[in-house]
Structure formats: C-alpha cells, structure tokens
N, C-alpha and C. Protein backbone atom coordinates (compact mmCIF):
# COMPACT_ATOMS: atom_id res chain seq x y z
N MET A 1 -13.68 11.44 -27.49
CA MET A 1 -12.64 10.99 -26.59
C MET A 1 -11.99 9.73 -27.14
N ASP A 2 -10.69 9.68 -27.07
CA ASP A 2 -10.01 8.48 -27.53
C ASP A 2 -9.70 7.57 -26.34
N ARG A 3 -9.20 6.39 -26.62
CA ARG A 3 -8.93 5.39 -25.57
C ARG A 3 -7.90 5.88 -24.55
N ARG A 4 -6.96 6.66 -25.01
CA ARG A 4 -5.93 7.15 -24.10
C ARG A 4 -6.53 8.07 -23.03
N GLU A 5 -7.41 8.96 -23.44
CA GLU A 5 -8.06 9.86 -22.49
C GLU A 5 -8.96 9.09 -21.52
N ILE A 6 -9.68 8.11 -22.04
CA ILE A 6 -10.56 7.29 -21.20
C ILE A 6 -9.73 6.49 -20.20
N SER A 7 -8.64 5.91 -20.66
CA SER A 7 -7.76 5.15 -19.77
C SER A 7 -7.16 6.04 -18.68
N PHE A 8 -6.78 7.25 -19.05
CA PHE A 8 -6.23 8.19 -18.07
C PHE A 8 -7.30 8.55 -17.03
N GLY A 9 -8.52 8.80 -17.47
CA GLY A 9 -9.62 9.10 -16.55
C GLY A 9 -9.91 7.95 -15.61
N LEU A 10 -9.89 6.73 -16.13
CA LEU A 10 -10.10 5.55 -15.28
C LEU A 10 -8.97 5.41 -14.28
N LEU A 11 -7.75 5.65 -14.71
CA LEU A 11 -6.60 5.57 -13.79
C LEU A 11 -6.74 6.59 -12.66
N ILE A 12 -7.12 7.80 -12.98
CA ILE A 12 -7.32 8.83 -11.95
C ILE A 12 -8.43 8.41 -10.99
N ALA A 13 -9.54 7.89 -11.52
CA ALA A 13 -10.66 7.45 -10.68
C ALA A 13 -10.24 6.31 -9.76
N VAL A 14 -9.46 5.37 -10.26
CA VAL A 14 -8.99 4.24 -9.45
C VAL A 14 -8.04 4.74 -8.36
N LEU A 15 -7.14 5.65 -8.71
CA LEU A 15 -6.22 6.19 -7.70
C LEU A 15 -6.97 6.96 -6.62
N LEU A 16 -7.98 7.72 -7.02
CA LEU A 16 -8.79 8.44 -6.03
C LEU A 16 -9.53 7.46 -5.12
N ALA A 17 -10.11 6.42 -5.70
CA ALA A 17 -10.81 5.41 -4.90
C ALA A 17 -9.85 4.72 -3.94
N LEU A 18 -8.66 4.43 -4.42
CA LEU A 18 -7.66 3.74 -3.60
C LEU A 18 -7.19 4.60 -2.43
N THR A 19 -6.99 5.87 -2.69
CA THR A 19 -6.42 6.73 -1.65
C THR A 19 -7.46 7.40 -0.76
N LEU A 20 -8.65 7.68 -1.29
CA LEU A 20 -9.64 8.42 -0.50
C LEU A 20 -10.67 7.53 0.21
N SER A 21 -10.87 6.31 -0.25
CA SER A 21 -11.86 5.42 0.36
C SER A 21 -11.65 5.20 1.86
N PRO A 22 -10.40 5.04 2.32
CA PRO A 22 -10.22 4.82 3.76
C PRO A 22 -10.65 6.00 4.63
N PHE A 23 -10.80 7.16 4.04
CA PHE A 23 -11.17 8.35 4.81
C PHE A 23 -12.67 8.62 4.80
N ALA A 24 -13.46 7.69 4.26
CA ALA A 24 -14.92 7.86 4.25
C ALA A 24 -15.43 7.89 5.69
N SER A 25 -16.47 8.62 5.91
CA SER A 25 -17.04 8.78 7.25
C SER A 25 -17.56 7.46 7.79
N GLN A 26 -17.25 7.18 9.04
CA GLN A 26 -17.75 5.99 9.71
C GLN A 26 -19.10 6.26 10.38
N TRP A 27 -19.54 7.52 10.39
CA TRP A 27 -20.78 7.90 11.03
C TRP A 27 -21.96 7.55 10.12
N PRO A 28 -23.13 7.31 10.69
CA PRO A 28 -24.30 7.00 9.86
C PRO A 28 -24.73 8.21 9.04
N ASP A 29 -25.40 7.95 7.92
CA ASP A 29 -25.89 9.06 7.11
C ASP A 29 -27.09 9.71 7.81
N GLY A 30 -27.59 10.79 7.24
CA GLY A 30 -28.65 11.57 7.88
C GLY A 30 -29.91 10.78 8.19
N LEU A 31 -30.38 10.01 7.23
CA LEU A 31 -31.60 9.24 7.42
C LEU A 31 -31.41 8.18 8.51
N GLU A 32 -30.28 7.50 8.47
CA GLU A 32 -30.00 6.48 9.49
C GLU A 32 -29.88 7.11 10.87
N LYS A 33 -29.28 8.27 10.96
CA LYS A 33 -29.12 8.97 12.24
C LYS A 33 -30.48 9.36 12.83
N VAL A 34 -31.37 9.88 12.00
CA VAL A 34 -32.71 10.25 12.46
C VAL A 34 -33.46 9.01 12.92
N ALA A 35 -33.35 7.91 12.17
CA ALA A 35 -34.03 6.67 12.55
C ALA A 35 -33.52 6.17 13.90
N GLU A 36 -32.20 6.29 14.14
CA GLU A 36 -31.64 5.90 15.44
C GLU A 36 -32.17 6.82 16.54
N ASP A 37 -32.14 8.13 16.29
CA ASP A 37 -32.58 9.10 17.29
C ASP A 37 -34.06 8.95 17.64
N LYS A 38 -34.88 8.65 16.65
CA LYS A 38 -36.33 8.54 16.86
C LYS A 38 -36.76 7.14 17.29
N GLY A 39 -35.82 6.18 17.26
CA GLY A 39 -36.10 4.84 17.77
C GLY A 39 -36.81 3.89 16.82
N PHE A 40 -36.71 4.13 15.52
CA PHE A 40 -37.35 3.18 14.60
C PHE A 40 -36.36 2.56 13.61
N ILE A 41 -35.09 2.55 13.97
CA ILE A 41 -34.06 1.98 13.09
C ILE A 41 -34.30 0.49 12.84
N GLU A 42 -34.78 -0.22 13.85
CA GLU A 42 -34.98 -1.67 13.71
C GLU A 42 -36.07 -2.02 12.70
N LYS A 43 -36.99 -1.11 12.44
CA LYS A 43 -38.05 -1.37 11.47
C LYS A 43 -37.50 -1.45 10.05
N GLY A 44 -36.39 -0.80 9.81
CA GLY A 44 -35.78 -0.82 8.48
C GLY A 44 -34.78 -1.95 8.30
N GLU A 45 -34.49 -2.66 9.36
CA GLU A 45 -33.50 -3.73 9.29
C GLU A 45 -34.20 -5.06 9.06
N VAL A 46 -34.47 -5.34 7.81
CA VAL A 46 -35.07 -6.61 7.43
C VAL A 46 -34.05 -7.40 6.63
N GLU A 47 -34.29 -8.70 6.53
CA GLU A 47 -33.36 -9.52 5.78
C GLU A 47 -33.45 -9.17 4.30
N SER A 48 -32.31 -8.90 3.71
CA SER A 48 -32.26 -8.48 2.32
C SER A 48 -32.46 -9.67 1.39
N SER A 49 -33.09 -9.40 0.26
CA SER A 49 -33.24 -10.45 -0.75
C SER A 49 -31.99 -10.55 -1.63
N PHE A 50 -31.09 -9.60 -1.46
CA PHE A 50 -29.84 -9.57 -2.23
C PHE A 50 -28.67 -9.54 -1.26
N VAL A 51 -27.74 -10.45 -1.44
CA VAL A 51 -26.56 -10.50 -0.58
C VAL A 51 -25.46 -9.67 -1.24
N SER A 52 -24.98 -8.67 -0.53
CA SER A 52 -23.95 -7.79 -1.07
C SER A 52 -22.60 -8.52 -1.14
N PRO A 53 -21.91 -8.42 -2.28
CA PRO A 53 -20.58 -9.03 -2.36
C PRO A 53 -19.54 -8.27 -1.54
N ILE A 54 -19.81 -6.99 -1.26
CA ILE A 54 -18.90 -6.17 -0.47
C ILE A 54 -19.72 -5.48 0.62
N PRO A 55 -20.04 -6.22 1.69
CA PRO A 55 -20.88 -5.61 2.74
C PRO A 55 -20.16 -4.49 3.48
N ASP A 56 -20.89 -3.42 3.75
CA ASP A 56 -20.37 -2.26 4.49
C ASP A 56 -19.12 -1.66 3.87
N TYR A 57 -19.00 -1.73 2.55
CA TYR A 57 -17.90 -1.12 1.81
C TYR A 57 -16.52 -1.61 2.25
N ALA A 58 -16.44 -2.86 2.66
CA ALA A 58 -15.15 -3.44 3.07
C ALA A 58 -15.01 -4.81 2.42
N TRP A 59 -13.87 -5.05 1.82
CA TRP A 59 -13.62 -6.32 1.15
C TRP A 59 -13.58 -7.44 2.18
N PRO A 60 -14.42 -8.47 2.01
CA PRO A 60 -14.45 -9.55 3.00
C PRO A 60 -13.13 -10.32 3.07
N GLY A 61 -12.77 -10.71 4.27
CA GLY A 61 -11.58 -11.52 4.47
C GLY A 61 -10.30 -10.74 4.71
N ILE A 62 -10.33 -9.43 4.58
CA ILE A 62 -9.14 -8.62 4.82
C ILE A 62 -9.32 -7.95 6.18
N LYS A 63 -8.41 -8.22 7.09
CA LYS A 63 -8.53 -7.73 8.46
C LYS A 63 -8.27 -6.22 8.60
N ASN A 64 -7.37 -5.68 7.80
CA ASN A 64 -7.08 -4.25 7.84
C ASN A 64 -8.24 -3.50 7.21
N LYS A 65 -8.99 -2.78 8.02
CA LYS A 65 -10.23 -2.13 7.56
C LYS A 65 -9.97 -1.08 6.48
N LYS A 66 -8.91 -0.30 6.62
CA LYS A 66 -8.61 0.74 5.62
C LYS A 66 -8.24 0.11 4.27
N LEU A 67 -7.44 -0.94 4.30
CA LEU A 67 -7.07 -1.63 3.06
C LEU A 67 -8.30 -2.29 2.43
N ALA A 68 -9.14 -2.91 3.24
CA ALA A 68 -10.36 -3.55 2.73
C ALA A 68 -11.28 -2.53 2.09
N THR A 69 -11.39 -1.35 2.68
CA THR A 69 -12.22 -0.29 2.12
C THR A 69 -11.63 0.23 0.82
N SER A 70 -10.31 0.37 0.75
CA SER A 70 -9.64 0.81 -0.48
C SER A 70 -9.88 -0.16 -1.62
N ILE A 71 -9.73 -1.44 -1.33
CA ILE A 71 -9.93 -2.46 -2.36
C ILE A 71 -11.37 -2.46 -2.83
N ALA A 72 -12.32 -2.30 -1.90
CA ALA A 72 -13.73 -2.23 -2.28
C ALA A 72 -13.98 -1.01 -3.16
N GLY A 73 -13.35 0.11 -2.85
CA GLY A 73 -13.50 1.31 -3.66
C GLY A 73 -12.97 1.13 -5.07
N VAL A 74 -11.81 0.50 -5.19
CA VAL A 74 -11.23 0.24 -6.51
C VAL A 74 -12.12 -0.73 -7.29
N PHE A 75 -12.57 -1.79 -6.64
CA PHE A 75 -13.44 -2.77 -7.30
C PHE A 75 -14.73 -2.10 -7.78
N GLY A 76 -15.33 -1.29 -6.94
CA GLY A 76 -16.56 -0.60 -7.31
C GLY A 76 -16.36 0.37 -8.46
N THR A 77 -15.23 1.06 -8.45
CA THR A 77 -14.92 2.00 -9.53
C THR A 77 -14.79 1.28 -10.86
N ILE A 78 -14.04 0.19 -10.86
CA ILE A 78 -13.83 -0.58 -12.10
C ILE A 78 -15.14 -1.23 -12.55
N LEU A 79 -15.91 -1.75 -11.60
CA LEU A 79 -17.19 -2.37 -11.95
C LEU A 79 -18.14 -1.35 -12.58
N LEU A 80 -18.24 -0.18 -11.99
CA LEU A 80 -19.12 0.86 -12.53
C LEU A 80 -18.64 1.35 -13.89
N PHE A 81 -17.33 1.47 -14.05
CA PHE A 81 -16.77 1.86 -15.34
C PHE A 81 -17.14 0.84 -16.41
N GLY A 82 -17.00 -0.43 -16.08
CA GLY A 82 -17.35 -1.49 -17.03
C GLY A 82 -18.83 -1.48 -17.39
N MET A 83 -19.67 -1.28 -16.39
CA MET A 83 -21.11 -1.22 -16.64
C MET A 83 -21.45 0.00 -17.51
N GLY A 84 -20.80 1.12 -17.25
CA GLY A 84 -21.02 2.31 -18.05
C GLY A 84 -20.60 2.12 -19.49
N CYS A 85 -19.46 1.47 -19.69
CA CYS A 85 -18.99 1.20 -21.06
C CYS A 85 -19.95 0.27 -21.79
N GLY A 86 -20.42 -0.75 -21.08
CA GLY A 86 -21.38 -1.68 -21.68
C GLY A 86 -22.67 -0.99 -22.08
N LEU A 87 -23.18 -0.15 -21.20
CA LEU A 87 -24.41 0.60 -21.49
C LEU A 87 -24.19 1.55 -22.67
N ALA A 88 -23.04 2.21 -22.69
CA ALA A 88 -22.75 3.13 -23.79
C ALA A 88 -22.71 2.38 -25.13
N LYS A 89 -22.11 1.18 -25.15
CA LYS A 89 -22.06 0.40 -26.39
C LYS A 89 -23.45 -0.03 -26.82
N LEU A 90 -24.28 -0.42 -25.86
CA LEU A 90 -25.66 -0.80 -26.19
C LEU A 90 -26.42 0.38 -26.78
N LEU A 91 -26.31 1.52 -26.14
CA LEU A 91 -27.03 2.70 -26.62
C LEU A 91 -26.50 3.17 -27.96
N LYS A 92 -25.21 3.10 -28.16
CA LYS A 92 -24.61 3.51 -29.44
C LYS A 92 -25.08 2.58 -30.57
N ARG A 93 -25.16 1.30 -30.27
CA ARG A 93 -25.60 0.34 -31.27
C ARG A 93 -27.06 0.58 -31.66
N ASN A 94 -27.89 0.96 -30.69
CA ASN A 94 -29.31 1.19 -30.97
C ASN A 94 -29.57 2.52 -31.66
N VAL A 95 -28.67 3.47 -31.54
CA VAL A 95 -28.87 4.79 -32.13
C VAL A 95 -28.54 4.76 -33.63
N TYR A 96 -27.49 4.08 -33.99
CA TYR A 96 -27.05 4.11 -35.38
C TYR A 96 -27.59 2.95 -36.14
C-alpha cells in the first residue's frame, strides 16, 4: 500500500466517525443492562485509576452532545491510526 491509499482510507474512516458517531446507541450494553436488571451495577462502579480524556464518548466542554460525540469519534480514529502506524513501524524495524 502506498501513502495515497493509506491517506484515502484514513479520510474515509474519519468521515465515517464524524457522520456515524452521533447515531451510536444511548442504551447500555448487554453486560451493563444485566447488571442493572439483577441489581449489582453499583458493585462495578469503583473509582478508576485512569481518568478518561473523553468520558462517555463525548468531547468535554462542548454542549451539543452530537457534535461532542462526533469530535470524540474523529479524535479516537486519528489516535488509533497513529498508534497503529507507530506499532507497525516498530514491528517492521524488528523484523528486518
């Protein structure tokens, strides 16, 4: 793959994150739903040792929830892409 193809793929991923993130389900996932139904959800709610920079998938400080979620999706996509590229370079360097 050349840089042009990679850039195009990243652009598509960013556009998808930007446009589809606001439509993510607001309902709890399956495990969280069962914990709520069975009454032990509070046992899993302990203070985290890691503070999330983007809590609840919404960019802090932006009042419009859909826009905040879109920005968080774009940020997460770019961050993961960067981490993947870094890991690929490390692995490529160690292989050859």
